[in-house]
């Protein structure tokens, strides 16, 4: 997979999943870019912080 230096990320997904995602984002009143950035931020924080599992 080539990693470009631009700020673009391009992925292909199943059209039905794409439609469902946009439908849900509309209900949540959030744009795809903001949803993606929020999830990236959470993902990166989970990978860099110590995980504490209390079971």
N, C-alpha and C. Protein backbone atom coordinates (compact mmCIF):
# COMPACT_ATOMS: atom_id res chain seq x y z
N UNK A 1 0.85 -1.17 0.00
CA UNK A 1 0.00 0.00 0.00
C UNK A 1 0.90 1.24 0.00
N UNK A 2 0.70 2.09 -0.96
CA UNK A 2 1.48 3.32 -1.05
C UNK A 2 0.93 4.36 -0.07
N UNK A 3 1.81 5.04 0.62
CA UNK A 3 1.41 6.09 1.55
C UNK A 3 1.90 7.42 0.98
N UNK A 4 0.95 8.23 0.56
CA UNK A 4 1.27 9.53 -0.02
C UNK A 4 1.51 10.56 1.08
N UNK A 5 2.14 11.66 0.73
CA UNK A 5 2.39 12.73 1.69
C UNK A 5 1.24 13.73 1.75
N UNK A 6 0.23 13.59 0.90
CA UNK A 6 -0.90 14.51 0.93
C UNK A 6 -1.79 14.19 2.13
N UNK A 7 -2.80 14.98 2.36
CA UNK A 7 -3.71 14.76 3.47
C UNK A 7 -4.91 13.91 3.11
N UNK A 8 -4.89 13.30 1.93
CA UNK A 8 -6.05 12.52 1.48
C UNK A 8 -5.91 11.06 1.86
N UNK A 9 -7.07 10.47 2.20
CA UNK A 9 -7.17 9.03 2.42
C UNK A 9 -8.29 8.53 1.53
N UNK A 10 -8.00 7.53 0.73
CA UNK A 10 -9.01 6.99 -0.20
C UNK A 10 -9.20 5.51 0.11
N UNK A 11 -10.45 5.12 0.34
CA UNK A 11 -10.77 3.72 0.59
C UNK A 11 -11.99 3.32 -0.24
N UNK A 12 -12.09 2.05 -0.53
CA UNK A 12 -13.28 1.53 -1.20
C UNK A 12 -14.03 0.67 -0.20
N UNK A 13 -15.35 0.91 -0.13
CA UNK A 13 -16.18 0.09 0.74
C UNK A 13 -17.43 -0.35 -0.02
N UNK A 14 -18.10 -1.33 0.52
CA UNK A 14 -19.34 -1.82 -0.05
C UNK A 14 -20.34 -0.67 -0.14
N UNK A 15 -21.00 -0.48 -1.30
CA UNK A 15 -21.94 0.63 -1.45
C UNK A 15 -23.08 0.63 -0.42
N UNK A 16 -23.52 -0.55 0.00
CA UNK A 16 -24.59 -0.61 1.00
C UNK A 16 -24.11 -0.09 2.36
N UNK A 17 -22.86 -0.42 2.69
CA UNK A 17 -22.29 0.07 3.94
C UNK A 17 -22.12 1.58 3.87
N UNK A 18 -21.66 2.08 2.73
CA UNK A 18 -21.49 3.52 2.56
C UNK A 18 -22.82 4.24 2.74
N UNK A 19 -23.87 3.72 2.13
CA UNK A 19 -25.19 4.33 2.22
C UNK A 19 -25.67 4.33 3.68
N UNK A 20 -25.49 3.21 4.37
CA UNK A 20 -25.92 3.12 5.77
C UNK A 20 -25.12 4.09 6.65
N UNK A 21 -23.84 4.21 6.38
CA UNK A 21 -23.00 5.12 7.15
C UNK A 21 -23.46 6.56 6.98
N UNK A 22 -23.66 6.99 5.74
CA UNK A 22 -24.12 8.36 5.50
C UNK A 22 -25.49 8.62 6.11
N UNK A 23 -26.36 7.61 6.08
CA UNK A 23 -27.69 7.75 6.68
C UNK A 23 -27.58 7.97 8.18
N UNK A 24 -26.73 7.18 8.82
CA UNK A 24 -26.55 7.31 10.27
C UNK A 24 -25.87 8.63 10.64
N UNK A 25 -24.88 9.04 9.84
CA UNK A 25 -24.21 10.32 10.10
C UNK A 25 -25.17 11.49 9.98
N UNK A 26 -26.11 11.40 9.05
CA UNK A 26 -27.10 12.46 8.88
C UNK A 26 -27.98 12.56 10.13
N UNK A 27 -28.38 11.41 10.67
CA UNK A 27 -29.18 11.39 11.89
C UNK A 27 -28.39 12.00 13.05
N UNK A 28 -27.11 11.67 13.12
CA UNK A 28 -26.24 12.18 14.19
C UNK A 28 -25.80 13.62 13.94
N UNK A 29 -26.13 14.16 12.77
CA UNK A 29 -25.76 15.53 12.38
C UNK A 29 -24.25 15.77 12.46
N UNK A 30 -23.52 14.84 11.85
CA UNK A 30 -22.06 14.96 11.79
C UNK A 30 -21.60 14.58 10.38
N UNK A 31 -20.58 15.27 9.91
CA UNK A 31 -20.04 14.97 8.59
C UNK A 31 -19.03 13.83 8.69
N UNK A 32 -18.86 13.13 7.57
CA UNK A 32 -17.95 11.99 7.53
C UNK A 32 -16.55 12.37 7.98
N UNK A 33 -16.05 13.51 7.55
CA UNK A 33 -14.69 13.91 7.91
C UNK A 33 -14.56 14.07 9.42
N UNK A 34 -15.52 14.73 10.06
CA UNK A 34 -15.43 14.92 11.51
C UNK A 34 -15.56 13.60 12.25
N UNK A 35 -16.45 12.73 11.78
CA UNK A 35 -16.61 11.40 12.38
C UNK A 35 -15.29 10.62 12.29
N UNK A 36 -14.67 10.67 11.13
CA UNK A 36 -13.41 9.97 10.91
C UNK A 36 -12.33 10.51 11.84
N UNK A 37 -12.19 11.83 11.89
CA UNK A 37 -11.16 12.44 12.73
C UNK A 37 -11.39 12.13 14.21
N UNK A 38 -12.64 12.13 14.66
CA UNK A 38 -12.95 11.76 16.04
C UNK A 38 -12.52 10.33 16.33
N UNK A 39 -12.79 9.43 15.40
CA UNK A 39 -12.43 8.03 15.60
C UNK A 39 -10.93 7.80 15.51
N UNK A 40 -10.26 8.52 14.65
CA UNK A 40 -8.79 8.43 14.56
C UNK A 40 -8.18 8.89 15.88
N UNK A 41 -8.67 10.00 16.39
CA UNK A 41 -8.14 10.52 17.65
C UNK A 41 -8.31 9.50 18.78
N UNK A 42 -9.49 8.91 18.90
CA UNK A 42 -9.73 7.91 19.92
C UNK A 42 -8.85 6.68 19.73
N UNK A 43 -8.71 6.24 18.50
CA UNK A 43 -7.88 5.07 18.18
C UNK A 43 -6.43 5.31 18.56
N UNK A 44 -5.90 6.47 18.19
CA UNK A 44 -4.51 6.77 18.50
C UNK A 44 -4.28 6.92 19.99
N UNK A 45 -5.23 7.50 20.71
CA UNK A 45 -5.08 7.64 22.16
C UNK A 45 -5.10 6.28 22.84
N UNK A 46 -5.95 5.37 22.40
CA UNK A 46 -5.99 4.03 22.98
C UNK A 46 -4.69 3.29 22.74
N UNK A 47 -4.03 3.54 21.63
CA UNK A 47 -2.79 2.84 21.30
C UNK A 47 -1.60 3.40 22.05
N UNK A 48 -1.70 4.62 22.58
CA UNK A 48 -0.55 5.22 23.24
C UNK A 48 -0.72 5.31 24.75
N UNK A 49 -1.92 5.02 25.27
CA UNK A 49 -2.13 5.08 26.70
C UNK A 49 -2.15 3.68 27.29
N UNK A 50 -1.74 3.58 28.54
CA UNK A 50 -1.76 2.32 29.25
C UNK A 50 -3.20 1.87 29.44
N UNK A 51 -3.47 0.63 29.10
CA UNK A 51 -4.80 0.08 29.23
C UNK A 51 -4.94 -0.57 30.60
N UNK A 52 -6.00 -0.19 31.33
CA UNK A 52 -6.28 -0.77 32.63
C UNK A 52 -7.56 -1.58 32.54
N UNK A 53 -7.43 -2.89 32.71
CA UNK A 53 -8.60 -3.77 32.65
C UNK A 53 -8.93 -4.27 34.04
N UNK A 54 -10.06 -3.85 34.56
CA UNK A 54 -10.52 -4.32 35.87
C UNK A 54 -11.66 -5.30 35.64
N UNK A 55 -11.41 -6.57 35.88
CA UNK A 55 -12.45 -7.58 35.66
C UNK A 55 -12.65 -8.39 36.90
